[in-house]
Amino acid sequence: MSDRWVAVDERTYRRLDVATKLAGLGLIAAGLEVGGATAPGLALGVCGAVLGLVTVIIGDSEP
């Protein structure tokens, strides 16, 4: 089984990083607005955290 890495240039990586962090923050805020202790609130918060960290698995040019 081969390792597959997604590689993008530095400018695209920065844009993806900022976009996913802002979208993740938005989902976390929506989860808190719905109610942080409710099931939908927790689901939105977890999805926001995952989305905010998704760029960790993307390389910025060469692995």
N, C-alpha and C. Protein backbone atom coordinates (compact mmCIF):
# COMPACT_ATOMS: atom_id res chain seq x y z
N MET A 1 0.85 -1.17 0.00
CA MET A 1 0.00 0.00 0.00
C MET A 1 0.89 1.24 0.00
N SER A 2 0.61 2.17 -0.90
CA SER A 2 1.46 3.35 -1.00
C SER A 2 0.89 4.50 -0.15
N ASP A 3 1.80 5.32 0.34
CA ASP A 3 1.39 6.50 1.08
C ASP A 3 1.00 7.58 0.07
N ARG A 4 -0.15 8.18 0.28
CA ARG A 4 -0.59 9.25 -0.61
C ARG A 4 -0.65 10.54 0.19
N TRP A 5 0.08 11.53 -0.26
CA TRP A 5 0.10 12.83 0.37
C TRP A 5 -0.40 13.87 -0.62
N VAL A 6 -1.14 14.81 -0.14
CA VAL A 6 -1.59 15.91 -0.97
C VAL A 6 -0.57 17.03 -0.83
N ALA A 7 -0.03 17.49 -1.94
CA ALA A 7 0.96 18.57 -1.90
C ALA A 7 0.45 19.75 -2.72
N VAL A 8 0.48 20.92 -2.15
CA VAL A 8 0.07 22.14 -2.84
C VAL A 8 1.15 23.19 -2.64
N ASP A 9 1.12 24.23 -3.48
CA ASP A 9 2.13 25.28 -3.31
C ASP A 9 1.83 26.10 -2.05
N GLU A 10 2.78 26.90 -1.65
CA GLU A 10 2.68 27.62 -0.37
C GLU A 10 1.50 28.59 -0.32
N ARG A 11 1.26 29.28 -1.41
CA ARG A 11 0.17 30.25 -1.44
C ARG A 11 -1.19 29.56 -1.30
N THR A 12 -1.38 28.48 -2.02
CA THR A 12 -2.63 27.73 -1.94
C THR A 12 -2.80 27.13 -0.54
N TYR A 13 -1.71 26.63 0.02
CA TYR A 13 -1.76 26.07 1.37
C TYR A 13 -2.22 27.12 2.38
N ARG A 14 -1.67 28.31 2.28
CA ARG A 14 -2.04 29.39 3.22
C ARG A 14 -3.52 29.71 3.11
N ARG A 15 -4.02 29.79 1.86
CA ARG A 15 -5.43 30.09 1.67
C ARG A 15 -6.32 28.98 2.23
N LEU A 16 -5.95 27.73 1.97
CA LEU A 16 -6.71 26.60 2.52
C LEU A 16 -6.67 26.61 4.04
N ASP A 17 -5.52 26.89 4.59
CA ASP A 17 -5.35 26.90 6.04
C ASP A 17 -6.25 27.95 6.68
N VAL A 18 -6.22 29.16 6.15
CA VAL A 18 -7.04 30.24 6.70
C VAL A 18 -8.52 29.93 6.53
N ALA A 19 -8.90 29.44 5.35
CA ALA A 19 -10.31 29.14 5.09
C ALA A 19 -10.84 28.05 6.02
N THR A 20 -10.07 26.99 6.22
CA THR A 20 -10.54 25.91 7.09
C THR A 20 -10.57 26.34 8.55
N LYS A 21 -9.62 27.15 8.96
CA LYS A 21 -9.63 27.64 10.34
C LYS A 21 -10.84 28.53 10.59
N LEU A 22 -11.15 29.42 9.65
CA LEU A 22 -12.30 30.31 9.82
C LEU A 22 -13.62 29.54 9.77
N ALA A 23 -13.72 28.59 8.86
CA ALA A 23 -14.93 27.78 8.78
C ALA A 23 -15.10 26.94 10.04
N GLY A 24 -14.01 26.38 10.55
CA GLY A 24 -14.06 25.62 11.79
C GLY A 24 -14.49 26.47 12.96
N LEU A 25 -13.95 27.68 13.02
CA LEU A 25 -14.34 28.60 14.09
C LEU A 25 -15.81 28.96 13.99
N GLY A 26 -16.30 29.13 12.76
CA GLY A 26 -17.71 29.42 12.56
C GLY A 26 -18.60 28.28 13.04
N LEU A 27 -18.19 27.04 12.75
CA LEU A 27 -18.97 25.90 13.21
C LEU A 27 -18.96 25.78 14.73
N ILE A 28 -17.83 26.06 15.34
CA ILE A 28 -17.75 26.02 16.80
C ILE A 28 -18.65 27.10 17.40
N ALA A 29 -18.63 28.29 16.82
CA ALA A 29 -19.49 29.37 17.31
C ALA A 29 -20.97 29.01 17.13
N ALA A 30 -21.30 28.38 16.01
CA ALA A 30 -22.68 27.95 15.79
C ALA A 30 -23.09 26.90 16.82
N GLY A 31 -22.17 26.01 17.14
CA GLY A 31 -22.45 25.00 18.15
C GLY A 31 -22.70 25.61 19.52
N LEU A 32 -21.94 26.63 19.85
CA LEU A 32 -22.16 27.31 21.12
C LEU A 32 -23.47 28.08 21.13
N GLU A 33 -23.82 28.65 19.97
CA GLU A 33 -25.07 29.38 19.87
C GLU A 33 -26.27 28.44 20.03
N VAL A 34 -26.17 27.25 19.44
CA VAL A 34 -27.25 26.26 19.55
C VAL A 34 -27.35 25.76 20.98
N GLY A 35 -26.23 25.63 21.61
CA GLY A 35 -26.17 25.13 22.98
C GLY A 35 -25.04 24.13 23.08
N GLY A 36 -23.98 24.51 23.74
CA GLY A 36 -22.80 23.66 23.80
C GLY A 36 -23.01 22.32 24.46
N ALA A 37 -24.02 22.20 25.29
CA ALA A 37 -24.26 20.94 26.00
C ALA A 37 -25.30 20.07 25.31
N THR A 38 -25.84 20.54 24.17
CA THR A 38 -26.83 19.75 23.44
C THR A 38 -26.13 18.89 22.39
N ALA A 39 -26.81 17.89 21.90
CA ALA A 39 -26.23 17.00 20.89
C ALA A 39 -25.88 17.76 19.59
N PRO A 40 -26.77 18.61 19.07
CA PRO A 40 -26.39 19.36 17.87
C PRO A 40 -25.22 20.32 18.12
N GLY A 41 -25.20 20.92 19.29
CA GLY A 41 -24.10 21.83 19.63
C GLY A 41 -22.77 21.11 19.71
N LEU A 42 -22.78 19.95 20.33
CA LEU A 42 -21.56 19.16 20.41
C LEU A 42 -21.11 18.68 19.04
N ALA A 43 -22.06 18.26 18.20
CA ALA A 43 -21.73 17.80 16.86
C ALA A 43 -21.12 18.93 16.04
N LEU A 44 -21.70 20.12 16.12
CA LEU A 44 -21.13 21.26 15.39
C LEU A 44 -19.74 21.62 15.91
N GLY A 45 -19.55 21.57 17.21
CA GLY A 45 -18.25 21.86 17.79
C GLY A 45 -17.18 20.86 17.36
N VAL A 46 -17.52 19.60 17.36
CA VAL A 46 -16.56 18.56 16.94
C VAL A 46 -16.25 18.71 15.46
N CYS A 47 -17.27 18.93 14.65
CA CYS A 47 -17.03 19.13 13.21
C CYS A 47 -16.17 20.36 12.95
N GLY A 48 -16.39 21.41 13.71
CA GLY A 48 -15.58 22.61 13.58
C GLY A 48 -14.13 22.38 13.95
N ALA A 49 -13.90 21.62 15.01
CA ALA A 49 -12.52 21.31 15.41
C ALA A 49 -11.82 20.45 14.36
N VAL A 50 -12.53 19.48 13.83
CA VAL A 50 -11.94 18.62 12.79
C VAL A 50 -11.64 19.44 11.55
N LEU A 51 -12.57 20.28 11.12
CA LEU A 51 -12.35 21.11 9.94
C LEU A 51 -11.18 22.08 10.16
N GLY A 52 -11.06 22.62 11.34
CA GLY A 52 -9.96 23.53 11.63
C GLY A 52 -8.60 22.86 11.61
N LEU A 53 -8.57 21.57 11.84
CA LEU A 53 -7.29 20.85 11.87
C LEU A 53 -7.00 20.07 10.58
N VAL A 54 -7.88 20.15 9.60
CA VAL A 54 -7.73 19.34 8.39
C VAL A 54 -6.46 19.68 7.61
N THR A 55 -5.97 20.88 7.68
CA THR A 55 -4.77 21.24 6.91
C THR A 55 -3.49 20.65 7.49
N VAL A 56 -3.58 20.04 8.64
CA VAL A 56 -2.40 19.39 9.22
C VAL A 56 -1.92 18.25 8.33
N ILE A 57 -2.86 17.61 7.62
CA ILE A 57 -2.47 16.47 6.77
C ILE A 57 -2.08 16.87 5.36
N ILE A 58 -2.11 18.17 5.06
CA ILE A 58 -1.74 18.64 3.72
C ILE A 58 -0.35 19.24 3.78
N GLY A 59 0.54 18.78 2.89
CA GLY A 59 1.89 19.32 2.83
C GLY A 59 1.93 20.61 2.05
N ASP A 60 2.88 21.52 2.35
CA ASP A 60 2.90 22.81 1.67
C ASP A 60 3.70 22.82 0.37
N SER A 61 4.51 21.85 0.06
CA SER A 61 5.12 21.73 -1.26
C SER A 61 5.74 20.35 -1.44
N GLU A 62 6.83 20.10 -0.76
CA GLU A 62 7.50 18.80 -0.83
C GLU A 62 7.42 18.13 0.53
N PRO A 63 7.03 16.85 0.57
CA PRO A 63 6.94 16.16 1.87
C PRO A 63 8.27 15.95 2.53
